[in-house]
Protein backbone atom coordinates (compact mmCIF):
# COMPACT_ATOMS: atom_id res chain seq x y z
CA MET A 1 56.96 9.42 47.63
CA LYS A 2 58.10 11.68 44.79
CA ASN A 3 58.32 8.53 42.34
CA TYR A 4 54.97 7.52 43.40
CA LYS A 5 53.11 10.91 42.62
CA PHE A 6 55.37 11.34 39.59
CA GLY A 7 53.98 7.78 38.52
CA ILE A 8 50.46 8.78 39.26
CA LEU A 9 50.87 11.88 37.09
CA ALA A 10 52.15 10.13 34.04
CA ILE A 11 49.48 7.69 34.12
CA LEU A 12 46.78 10.47 34.10
CA SER A 13 48.67 11.97 31.49
CA THR A 14 48.89 8.89 29.00
CA LEU A 15 44.85 8.57 29.77
CA LEU A 16 44.07 11.82 29.06
CA VAL A 17 46.40 11.76 25.48
CA PHE A 18 44.39 8.44 25.06
CA GLN A 19 40.77 9.65 25.58
CA SER A 20 41.78 13.14 23.32
CA CYS A 21 42.87 10.27 20.71
CA ILE A 22 39.28 8.36 20.34
CA GLU A 23 36.74 9.17 17.90
CA HIS A 24 33.48 9.93 19.15
CA GLU A 25 30.61 8.53 17.04
CA VAL A 26 28.02 10.40 14.93
CA ILE A 27 25.12 9.57 15.51
CA PRO A 28 22.77 10.95 12.22
CA ALA A 29 19.19 12.54 13.07
CA PRO A 30 16.57 9.92 12.66
CA VAL A 31 14.86 10.39 9.30
CA PRO A 32 11.16 11.12 8.73
CA MET A 33 9.24 7.90 7.96
CA VAL A 34 5.80 8.48 6.42
CA ASP A 35 3.32 6.42 9.10
CA LEU A 36 1.59 3.86 7.06
CA SER A 37 -1.43 1.79 8.54
CA CYS A 38 -4.08 -0.29 6.91
CA HIS A 39 -7.53 -1.83 8.36
CA PHE A 40 -10.46 -3.18 6.32
CA VAL A 41 -14.21 -4.27 7.78
CA GLY A 42 -17.28 -4.92 5.94
CA THR A 43 -20.22 -7.39 5.67
CA ILE A 44 -19.92 -10.17 3.46
CA ASN A 45 -23.64 -11.98 2.84
CA GLY A 46 -24.41 -11.26 5.97
CA THR A 47 -21.09 -11.80 8.24
CA GLN A 48 -18.59 -8.99 9.34
CA LEU A 49 -15.07 -9.57 8.05
CA GLU A 50 -12.34 -7.54 10.20
CA LEU A 51 -8.84 -7.45 8.89
CA THR A 52 -6.52 -5.68 11.15
CA GLU A 53 -2.41 -4.84 10.34
CA ASN A 54 -0.33 -6.86 12.74
CA VAL A 55 -3.20 -9.06 13.90
CA ASN A 56 -3.48 -12.81 12.46
CA ASN A 57 -0.29 -11.50 10.49
CA TYR A 58 -2.17 -9.42 8.53
CA THR A 59 -0.16 -6.35 6.67
CA GLY A 60 -0.54 -4.36 4.08
CA LYS A 61 1.21 -4.59 0.36
CA ALA A 62 1.43 -1.72 -2.04
CA THR A 63 1.94 -2.98 -6.02
CA LYS A 64 1.35 -1.15 -9.39
CA ASN A 65 0.72 -2.44 -13.00
CA LEU A 66 2.69 -1.22 -15.63
CA ASN A 67 1.35 -1.22 -19.29
CA ILE A 68 4.45 0.04 -21.33
CA LEU A 69 4.01 0.92 -24.81
CA PRO A 70 6.52 2.59 -27.23
CA ALA A 71 5.88 6.33 -28.37
CA PRO A 72 4.26 7.82 -29.60
CA SER A 73 1.40 5.58 -27.81
CA VAL A 74 0.59 6.13 -23.97
CA SER A 75 1.32 3.90 -21.50
CA SER A 76 -0.62 3.08 -18.40
CA ALA A 77 -0.26 2.50 -14.54
CA ALA A 78 -2.53 1.23 -12.39
CA TYR A 79 -2.46 1.06 -8.54
CA ASN A 80 -2.98 -1.69 -6.23
CA PHE A 81 -3.71 -2.20 -2.34
CA GLU A 82 -4.34 -5.37 -0.55
CA MET A 83 -4.27 -6.78 3.07
CA LEU A 84 -3.15 -10.53 3.59
CA SER A 85 -1.57 -12.76 6.32
CA THR A 86 1.10 -15.10 5.81
CA THR A 87 -1.01 -17.34 8.25
CA GLN A 88 -4.55 -16.70 7.08
CA MET A 89 -6.51 -17.56 3.39
CA SER A 90 -8.89 -14.27 3.40
CA SER A 91 -7.52 -11.49 1.88
CA ILE A 92 -9.29 -8.16 0.03
CA LYS A 93 -7.42 -5.99 -2.32
CA ILE A 94 -8.60 -3.20 -4.50
CA VAL A 95 -6.95 -2.01 -8.29
CA LEU A 96 -7.42 2.01 -9.09
CA GLY A 97 -6.31 2.97 -12.72
CA SER A 98 -5.00 4.09 -14.85
CA VAL A 99 -2.33 7.20 -15.07
CA LEU A 100 -1.94 7.75 -18.62
CA TRP A 101 1.97 9.05 -19.30
CA ASP A 102 4.97 8.93 -21.97
CA ALA A 103 7.48 6.10 -21.21
CA SER A 104 10.04 7.76 -23.39
CA VAL A 105 9.91 10.55 -20.68
CA SER A 106 10.16 8.60 -17.52
CA ALA A 107 9.76 5.27 -16.56
CA ALA A 108 6.80 5.87 -14.41
CA PRO A 109 4.03 8.33 -13.96
CA ASP A 110 6.11 11.72 -12.23
CA LEU A 111 4.83 12.43 -8.54
CA SER A 112 2.64 15.77 -10.02
CA ALA A 113 0.87 13.12 -12.16
CA PHE A 114 0.13 10.40 -9.32
CA ASN A 115 -0.82 13.31 -7.24
CA THR A 116 -3.41 14.52 -9.55
CA PHE A 117 -4.77 11.20 -10.49
CA HIS A 118 -5.88 10.06 -6.76
CA SER A 119 -6.74 13.48 -5.35
CA THR A 120 -9.14 13.83 -8.62
CA ASN A 121 -10.46 10.20 -9.06
CA THR A 122 -12.78 9.99 -5.60
CA SER A 123 -15.93 8.12 -7.13
CA PRO A 124 -14.53 6.12 -9.97
CA SER A 125 -16.11 3.84 -12.21
CA TYR A 126 -15.71 0.04 -11.93
CA SER A 127 -13.75 -1.41 -14.52
CA THR A 128 -12.03 -4.30 -15.35
CA ALA A 129 -8.44 -5.31 -13.69
CA GLY A 130 -8.50 -1.24 -12.59
CA GLY A 131 -8.25 -0.60 -16.43
CA SER A 132 -9.94 2.59 -16.28
CA GLY A 133 -11.28 2.85 -12.59
CA PHE A 134 -11.78 0.29 -9.71
CA GLU A 135 -11.60 -3.27 -9.14
CA VAL A 136 -12.05 -5.40 -5.74
CA SER A 137 -11.27 -8.89 -5.47
CA PHE A 138 -12.12 -10.93 -2.07
CA LYS A 139 -10.19 -14.11 -0.97
CA ASP A 140 -12.63 -16.20 1.14
CA ALA A 141 -11.32 -18.62 3.94
CA SER A 142 -11.43 -21.78 1.17
CA GLY A 143 -9.18 -19.86 -0.84
CA LEU A 144 -11.85 -18.64 -3.65
CA VAL A 145 -11.33 -15.29 -4.98
CA TRP A 146 -14.17 -13.54 -6.09
CA THR A 147 -13.98 -10.39 -8.45
CA SER A 148 -15.91 -7.23 -9.14
CA LYS A 149 -17.49 -6.72 -12.56
CA GLN A 150 -17.38 -3.86 -14.54
CA ASN A 151 -20.76 -4.99 -15.84
CA SER A 152 -22.64 -5.72 -12.82
CA VAL A 153 -26.09 -5.48 -13.26
CA ASN A 154 -26.12 -5.18 -9.66
CA PRO A 155 -26.09 -1.61 -7.72
CA GLN A 156 -22.39 -1.01 -6.86
CA ASN A 157 -20.37 2.53 -5.66
CA VAL A 158 -17.48 3.54 -4.37
CA THR A 159 -15.63 6.89 -2.66
CA PHE A 160 -11.98 7.24 -1.86
CA THR A 161 -11.80 10.03 1.07
CA GLY A 162 -9.35 11.48 3.73
CA ILE A 163 -6.68 11.07 0.54
CA ILE A 164 -3.26 12.62 1.48
CA GLN A 165 -0.35 12.14 -0.38
CA GLU A 166 3.10 11.86 1.29
CA SER A 167 6.85 10.86 0.80
CA ASP A 168 9.86 9.58 2.66
CA THR A 169 13.09 8.28 1.60
CA LEU A 170 11.56 4.91 0.32
CA GLY A 171 8.75 6.17 -1.93
CA ASP A 172 5.70 8.31 -2.39
CA TYR A 173 2.54 7.39 -1.56
CA SER A 174 -1.31 8.47 -1.35
CA LYS A 175 -3.21 7.66 1.38
CA PHE A 176 -6.77 6.92 1.27
CA THR A 177 -9.86 5.62 3.29
CA CYS A 178 -12.29 3.51 0.51
CA ASN A 179 -15.55 3.37 0.96
CA PHE A 180 -17.47 0.55 -1.33
CA ASN A 181 -20.70 -1.47 -1.73
CA CYS A 182 -20.69 -4.42 -4.57
CA TYR A 183 -21.72 -7.65 -5.46
CA VAL A 184 -18.28 -9.89 -6.38
CA TYR A 185 -18.19 -13.02 -8.72
CA ARG A 186 -16.35 -16.28 -9.34
CA GLN A 187 -17.38 -18.95 -12.18
CA ASP A 188 -17.28 -22.61 -11.09
CA ALA A 189 -14.45 -24.17 -12.87
CA VAL A 190 -16.33 -27.45 -13.23
CA THR A 191 -19.75 -26.16 -14.02
CA LEU A 192 -18.82 -22.71 -15.41
CA LEU A 193 -21.95 -21.53 -13.63
CA TRP A 194 -21.29 -17.98 -11.98
CA ASP A 195 -21.94 -17.53 -8.29
CA SER A 196 -21.54 -13.86 -6.51
CA VAL A 197 -21.46 -12.75 -2.66
CA TYR A 198 -22.16 -9.14 -1.82
CA ILE A 199 -19.79 -6.97 0.30
CA GLU A 200 -21.44 -4.37 2.25
CA ASN A 201 -20.11 -1.14 4.00
CA GLY A 202 -16.78 -1.83 2.85
CA ILE A 203 -14.44 0.26 4.47
CA PHE A 204 -10.86 0.23 3.51
CA LYS A 205 -8.09 2.32 5.14
CA GLY A 206 -4.56 2.09 3.15
CA TRP A 207 -2.31 3.38 0.65
CA PHE A 208 -1.24 3.28 -3.16
CA GLN A 209 3.02 3.83 -3.81
CA ARG A 210 4.01 5.51 -7.02
């Protein structure tokens, strides 16, 4: 009986030593991430179009156009945001530019310049390719692309509201709600005639990324 008890004690002691040697995994605290969401709704030639994130495979995509020039010339950056789908043809894209900066000092505008630009450009003028203001492009269900014009003879307006600057480990963002009304145009490749459609009460929620 003594040997039996000693055997049990020996096994328990071995288990305790083994457990004490196990390294416990340290799980790092979750890293806070910026909550990014997007949505578009507007009336296009009398028909409402609504694009909702994660519905019909729609998602938001933020990009930027950098025009790098050697010093002493200043470089420029324009920011794009688009809602598009991997399975649907229709999409909507806006461009806002431009931030001017010295590319010999940094590869892109710094956070202060990025934030100041977006917080102060709440009612930009329409501009080709967003070179010095705002541009919107709409791709219809047939894949035809319609784009706003800087020199349009028709009334057009745009306002950015709810601008919030936030950052996380993946980047710096300017979140916004963009309200606009405008005609968008396309030129027929064969007849070279111009046609237009009207976007009314466009409300676009998204973000720009530095």
